[in-house]
Amino acid sequence: MTRRTSRRASRRVLVTRAPRRGTLIIAAIGYALGVLGGFNLLPALKPYATVAFTVAGGLLILGALLRDL
């Protein structure tokens, strides 16, 4: 005799979707500025490289989690 277990429908805890095109473009520009400043290819961007990386990454995460961003 096999044992039966009750199966509940799994709940979706985290729903993600692709970011919109504008969000993706802005994040890519921030990422590119962070790379240029991080590798000291544009010395004027050196102090802002970490901030550019952080803003670009945060924008991509929010764009994946929020519907209208």
Foldseek 3Di string as FASTA:
>chain_A
DDDDDDDDDDDDDAAWDFADPVLLVQLVVLQVLLVCLVVVVPVVSVVVNVVSNVVSVVSRVCRGRDDPD
